[in-house]
Amino acid sequence: MSKDTTKVLFVCTGNTCRSPMAAGLFEKLIENDSELESIGSAGVAAYPGDKISHDTAVILKSKGIDSSKSEQFRSREVTEELLTEATHVFAMTSSHLDTLVQAFPDYAEKCYLVCDFVSFDGKVGVDVPDPIGQGPRAYQMVASVFDSALPCIVQFIKETEVSD
């Protein structure tokens, strides 16, 4: 990898819950790291322009992230342009990853699962659970998954940059 900025994209289904939460939390995590950049999030089946879920906005606000004034927190579909811009793409589930690889095989080498680099109950590569319709506790659980997984993603990216 060159010395250029690493650009990270997060992907889920509708781009209203998990991937925008991941992108917001990732941005907060890397706010003082000029080598890493979030290019936001997208969905494999997103309806463009939808607002993020209320519970996702609440989680982000509790972490000091204001999602109310940013177009970045509006849903969008995964596109070839986004995948071209991204250096790393992190999908929430193996199904999302499979969809990405099937629809965009030329970008498969930059696609991973969010949990590919962290262990939960002795398992690596688990899916991030879908909280939609399950209330605030489910969203808090997803946020805790990201609290564990995102620092591991940063570590993976930095280790990859060193070895390239």
C-alpha atoms as a PDB file:
ATOM      1  CA  MET A   1       0.000   0.000   0.000  1.00  0.00           C
ATOM      2  CA  SER A   2       1.247   3.475  -0.788  1.00  0.00           C
ATOM      3  CA  LYS A   3       1.531   6.351   1.637  1.00  0.00           C
ATOM      4  CA  ASP A   4      -1.847   7.651   0.420  1.00  0.00           C
ATOM      5  CA  THR A   5      -4.722   7.886   2.852  1.00  0.00           C
ATOM      6  CA  THR A   6      -6.485   4.618   3.589  1.00  0.00           C
ATOM      7  CA  LYS A   7     -10.196   5.012   2.789  1.00  0.00           C
ATOM      8  CA  VAL A   8     -12.670   2.771   4.584  1.00  0.00           C
ATOM      9  CA  LEU A   9     -16.264   1.965   3.601  1.00  0.00           C
ATOM     10  CA  PHE A  10     -18.793   0.053   5.743  1.00  0.00           C
ATOM     11  CA  VAL A  11     -21.604  -1.975   4.164  1.00  0.00           C
ATOM     12  CA  CYS A  12     -24.862  -3.479   5.443  1.00  0.00           C
ATOM     13  CA  THR A  13     -28.300  -4.069   3.922  1.00  0.00           C
ATOM     14  CA  GLY A  14     -30.355  -0.865   3.998  1.00  0.00           C
ATOM     15  CA  ASN A  15     -27.661   1.523   5.248  1.00  0.00           C
ATOM     16  CA  THR A  16     -29.810   2.851   8.088  1.00  0.00           C
ATOM     17  CA  CYS A  17     -28.546   0.929  11.157  1.00  0.00           C
ATOM     18  CA  ARG A  18     -25.287  -1.006  11.287  1.00  0.00           C
ATOM     19  CA  SER A  19     -23.085   0.483   8.578  1.00  0.00           C
ATOM     20  CA  PRO A  20     -23.787   4.150   9.420  1.00  0.00           C
ATOM     21  CA  MET A  21     -23.202   3.362  13.096  1.00  0.00           C
ATOM     22  CA  ALA A  22     -19.908   1.684  12.203  1.00  0.00           C
ATOM     23  CA  ALA A  23     -18.863   4.593   9.981  1.00  0.00           C
ATOM     24  CA  GLY A  24     -19.681   7.175  12.661  1.00  0.00           C
ATOM     25  CA  LEU A  25     -17.876   5.274  15.396  1.00  0.00           C
ATOM     26  CA  PHE A  26     -14.910   4.625  13.098  1.00  0.00           C
ATOM     27  CA  GLU A  27     -14.647   8.339  12.271  1.00  0.00           C
ATOM     28  CA  LYS A  28     -14.620   9.156  15.967  1.00  0.00           C
ATOM     29  CA  LEU A  29     -11.951   6.515  16.582  1.00  0.00           C
ATOM     30  CA  ILE A  30      -9.644   7.823  13.843  1.00  0.00           C
ATOM     31  CA  GLU A  31     -10.302  11.558  14.211  1.00  0.00           C
ATOM     32  CA  ASN A  32      -6.640  12.227  15.060  1.00  0.00           C
ATOM     33  CA  ASP A  33      -5.169   9.817  12.503  1.00  0.00           C
ATOM     34  CA  SER A  34      -4.392  11.554   9.214  1.00  0.00           C
ATOM     35  CA  GLU A  35      -3.556   8.259   7.481  1.00  0.00           C
ATOM     36  CA  LEU A  36      -7.076   6.838   7.859  1.00  0.00           C
ATOM     37  CA  GLU A  37     -10.314   8.194   6.439  1.00  0.00           C
ATOM     38  CA  SER A  38     -13.900   6.987   6.505  1.00  0.00           C
ATOM     39  CA  ILE A  39     -15.785   7.405   3.257  1.00  0.00           C
ATOM     40  CA  GLY A  40     -18.943   6.486   5.124  1.00  0.00           C
ATOM     41  CA  SER A  41     -21.304   3.654   4.526  1.00  0.00           C
ATOM     42  CA  ALA A  42     -23.596   2.104   1.952  1.00  0.00           C
ATOM     43  CA  GLY A  43     -26.083  -0.722   1.607  1.00  0.00           C
ATOM     44  CA  VAL A  44     -26.391  -3.673  -0.729  1.00  0.00           C
ATOM     45  CA  ALA A  45     -30.172  -3.057  -0.841  1.00  0.00           C
ATOM     46  CA  ALA A  46     -30.437   0.571   0.256  1.00  0.00           C
ATOM     47  CA  TYR A  47     -33.140   3.016  -0.709  1.00  0.00           C
ATOM     48  CA  PRO A  48     -31.155   6.202  -1.379  1.00  0.00           C
ATOM     49  CA  GLY A  49     -31.798   9.141   0.936  1.00  0.00           C
ATOM     50  CA  ASP A  50     -33.348   7.345   3.915  1.00  0.00           C
ATOM     51  CA  LYS A  51     -32.467   8.684   7.360  1.00  0.00           C
ATOM     52  CA  ILE A  52     -30.603   6.471   9.773  1.00  0.00           C
ATOM     53  CA  SER A  53     -32.743   4.735  12.364  1.00  0.00           C
ATOM     54  CA  HIS A  54     -33.669   6.639  15.503  1.00  0.00           C
ATOM     55  CA  ASP A  55     -31.847   4.120  17.695  1.00  0.00           C
ATOM     56  CA  THR A  56     -28.671   4.421  15.600  1.00  0.00           C
ATOM     57  CA  ALA A  57     -28.832   8.224  15.954  1.00  0.00           C
ATOM     58  CA  VAL A  58     -29.253   7.846  19.736  1.00  0.00           C
ATOM     59  CA  ILE A  59     -26.194   5.578  19.973  1.00  0.00           C
ATOM     60  CA  LEU A  60     -24.100   7.958  17.865  1.00  0.00           C
ATOM     61  CA  LYS A  61     -25.228  10.965  19.913  1.00  0.00           C
ATOM     62  CA  SER A  62     -24.284   9.154  23.135  1.00  0.00           C
ATOM     63  CA  LYS A  63     -20.760   8.817  21.689  1.00  0.00           C
ATOM     64  CA  GLY A  64     -20.559  12.512  20.778  1.00  0.00           C
ATOM     65  CA  ILE A  65     -21.471  12.129  17.101  1.00  0.00           C
ATOM     66  CA  ASP A  66     -24.179  14.396  15.670  1.00  0.00           C
ATOM     67  CA  SER A  67     -25.787  12.590  12.761  1.00  0.00           C
ATOM     68  CA  SER A  68     -28.630  15.069  12.286  1.00  0.00           C
ATOM     69  CA  LYS A  69     -26.839  17.605  10.109  1.00  0.00           C
ATOM     70  CA  SER A  70     -24.839  15.426   7.787  1.00  0.00           C
ATOM     71  CA  GLU A  71     -25.768  13.997   4.398  1.00  0.00           C
ATOM     72  CA  GLN A  72     -23.233  11.304   5.230  1.00  0.00           C
ATOM     73  CA  PHE A  73     -25.899   9.752   7.432  1.00  0.00           C
ATOM     74  CA  ARG A  74     -28.362   9.302   4.545  1.00  0.00           C
ATOM     75  CA  SER A  75     -28.613   5.882   2.977  1.00  0.00           C
ATOM     76  CA  ARG A  76     -27.001   5.092  -0.360  1.00  0.00           C
ATOM     77  CA  GLU A  77     -26.399   2.021  -2.447  1.00  0.00           C
ATOM     78  CA  VAL A  78     -23.032   0.384  -2.904  1.00  0.00           C
ATOM     79  CA  THR A  79     -21.645   1.505  -6.254  1.00  0.00           C
ATOM     80  CA  GLU A  80     -18.581   0.731  -8.288  1.00  0.00           C
ATOM     81  CA  GLU A  81     -17.475   4.340  -7.734  1.00  0.00           C
ATOM     82  CA  LEU A  82     -17.537   3.878  -3.948  1.00  0.00           C
ATOM     83  CA  LEU A  83     -15.648   0.607  -4.215  1.00  0.00           C
ATOM     84  CA  THR A  84     -13.066   2.218  -6.480  1.00  0.00           C
ATOM     85  CA  GLU A  85     -12.525   5.020  -3.949  1.00  0.00           C
ATOM     86  CA  ALA A  86     -12.299   2.680  -0.951  1.00  0.00           C
ATOM     87  CA  THR A  87      -9.083   0.911  -0.075  1.00  0.00           C
ATOM     88  CA  HIS A  88     -10.891  -1.307   2.468  1.00  0.00           C
ATOM     89  CA  VAL A  89     -14.547  -2.381   2.568  1.00  0.00           C
ATOM     90  CA  PHE A  90     -16.022  -3.953   5.705  1.00  0.00           C
ATOM     91  CA  ALA A  91     -19.320  -5.837   5.481  1.00  0.00           C
ATOM     92  CA  MET A  92     -21.528  -6.584   8.463  1.00  0.00           C
ATOM     93  CA  THR A  93     -22.348 -10.201   7.554  1.00  0.00           C
ATOM     94  CA  SER A  94     -21.070 -13.025   5.388  1.00  0.00           C
ATOM     95  CA  SER A  95     -24.207 -12.552   3.267  1.00  0.00           C
ATOM     96  CA  HIS A  96     -23.291  -8.898   2.631  1.00  0.00           C
ATOM     97  CA  LEU A  97     -19.739  -9.947   1.813  1.00  0.00           C
ATOM     98  CA  ASP A  98     -20.973 -12.612  -0.622  1.00  0.00           C
ATOM     99  CA  THR A  99     -23.282 -10.084  -2.283  1.00  0.00           C
ATOM    100  CA  LEU A 100     -20.418  -7.611  -2.694  1.00  0.00           C
ATOM    101  CA  VAL A 101     -18.057 -10.201  -4.135  1.00  0.00           C
ATOM    102  CA  GLN A 102     -20.682 -11.562  -6.540  1.00  0.00           C
ATOM    103  CA  ALA A 103     -21.821  -8.127  -7.728  1.00  0.00           C
ATOM    104  CA  PHE A 104     -18.342  -6.570  -7.842  1.00  0.00           C
ATOM    105  CA  PRO A 105     -15.779  -9.379  -8.268  1.00  0.00           C
ATOM    106  CA  ASP A 106     -13.017  -6.974  -9.301  1.00  0.00           C
ATOM    107  CA  TYR A 107     -13.077  -5.505  -5.779  1.00  0.00           C
ATOM    108  CA  ALA A 108     -13.140  -8.759  -3.796  1.00  0.00           C
ATOM    109  CA  GLU A 109      -9.560  -8.373  -2.541  1.00  0.00           C
ATOM    110  CA  LYS A 110     -10.479  -5.245  -0.570  1.00  0.00           C
ATOM    111  CA  CYS A 111     -13.615  -6.698   1.069  1.00  0.00           C
ATOM    112  CA  TYR A 112     -13.698  -8.136   4.601  1.00  0.00           C
ATOM    113  CA  LEU A 113     -16.101  -8.798   7.443  1.00  0.00           C
ATOM    114  CA  VAL A 114     -16.159  -6.236  10.249  1.00  0.00           C
ATOM    115  CA  CYS A 115     -15.459  -9.064  12.705  1.00  0.00           C
ATOM    116  CA  ASP A 116     -12.673 -10.754  10.712  1.00  0.00           C
ATOM    117  CA  PHE A 117     -10.063  -9.401  13.126  1.00  0.00           C
ATOM    118  CA  VAL A 118     -11.687  -9.858  16.532  1.00  0.00           C
ATOM    119  CA  SER A 119     -12.803 -12.888  18.524  1.00  0.00           C
ATOM    120  CA  PHE A 120     -16.223 -13.200  20.154  1.00  0.00           C
ATOM    121  CA  ASP A 121     -16.677 -16.270  22.350  1.00  0.00           C
ATOM    122  CA  GLY A 122     -13.687 -17.843  20.619  1.00  0.00           C
ATOM    123  CA  LYS A 123     -15.026 -17.226  17.105  1.00  0.00           C
ATOM    124  CA  VAL A 124     -13.534 -14.902  14.495  1.00  0.00           C
ATOM    125  CA  GLY A 125     -15.504 -13.649  11.510  1.00  0.00           C
ATOM    126  CA  VAL A 126     -18.934 -13.627  13.117  1.00  0.00           C
ATOM    127  CA  ASP A 127     -21.769 -11.553  11.681  1.00  0.00           C
ATOM    128  CA  VAL A 128     -22.753  -8.245  13.271  1.00  0.00           C
ATOM    129  CA  PRO A 129     -26.351  -8.863  14.419  1.00  0.00           C
ATOM    130  CA  ASP A 130     -29.150  -6.901  12.760  1.00  0.00           C
ATOM    131  CA  PRO A 131     -30.821  -4.731  15.419  1.00  0.00           C
ATOM    132  CA  ILE A 132     -33.683  -3.420  13.293  1.00  0.00           C
ATOM    133  CA  GLY A 133     -37.003  -3.616  15.079  1.00  0.00           C
ATOM    134  CA  GLN A 134     -35.475  -4.996  18.270  1.00  0.00           C
ATOM    135  CA  GLY A 135     -35.268  -1.843  20.371  1.00  0.00           C
ATOM    136  CA  PRO A 136     -32.492   0.153  22.042  1.00  0.00           C
ATOM    137  CA  ARG A 137     -30.822  -2.781  23.786  1.00  0.00           C
ATOM    138  CA  ALA A 138     -30.120  -4.480  20.437  1.00  0.00           C
ATOM    139  CA  TYR A 139     -28.533  -1.288  19.116  1.00  0.00           C
ATOM    140  CA  GLN A 140     -26.392  -1.005  22.248  1.00  0.00           C
ATOM    141  CA  MET A 141     -25.251  -4.581  21.660  1.00  0.00           C
ATOM    142  CA  VAL A 142     -24.253  -3.724  18.080  1.00  0.00           C
ATOM    143  CA  ALA A 143     -22.363  -0.664  19.345  1.00  0.00           C
ATOM    144  CA  SER A 144     -20.458  -2.875  21.771  1.00  0.00           C
ATOM    145  CA  VAL A 145     -19.518  -5.188  18.879  1.00  0.00           C
ATOM    146  CA  PHE A 146     -18.130  -2.152  17.049  1.00  0.00           C
ATOM    147  CA  ASP A 147     -16.322  -0.962  20.186  1.00  0.00           C
ATOM    148  CA  SER A 148     -14.409  -4.256  20.082  1.00  0.00           C
ATOM    149  CA  ALA A 149     -14.089  -4.715  16.304  1.00  0.00           C
ATOM    150  CA  LEU A 150     -13.163  -1.231  15.070  1.00  0.00           C
ATOM    151  CA  PRO A 151      -9.843  -0.920  16.960  1.00  0.00           C
ATOM    152  CA  CYS A 152      -8.921  -4.344  15.537  1.00  0.00           C
ATOM    153  CA  ILE A 153      -9.734  -3.083  12.028  1.00  0.00           C
ATOM    154  CA  VAL A 154      -7.430  -0.101  12.584  1.00  0.00           C
ATOM    155  CA  GLN A 155      -4.698  -2.443  13.806  1.00  0.00           C
ATOM    156  CA  PHE A 156      -5.188  -4.733  10.771  1.00  0.00           C
ATOM    157  CA  ILE A 157      -4.964  -1.790   8.362  1.00  0.00           C
ATOM    158  CA  LYS A 158      -1.838  -0.412  10.013  1.00  0.00           C
ATOM    159  CA  GLU A 159      -0.145  -3.833  10.074  1.00  0.00           C
ATOM    160  CA  THR A 160      -1.038  -4.371   6.416  1.00  0.00           C
ATOM    161  CA  GLU A 161       0.437  -0.975   5.483  1.00  0.00           C
ATOM    162  CA  VAL A 162       3.703  -1.839   7.219  1.00  0.00           C
ATOM    163  CA  SER A 163       4.032  -5.195   5.455  1.00  0.00           C
ATOM    164  CA  ASP A 164       3.208  -3.871   1.968  1.00  0.00           C
END
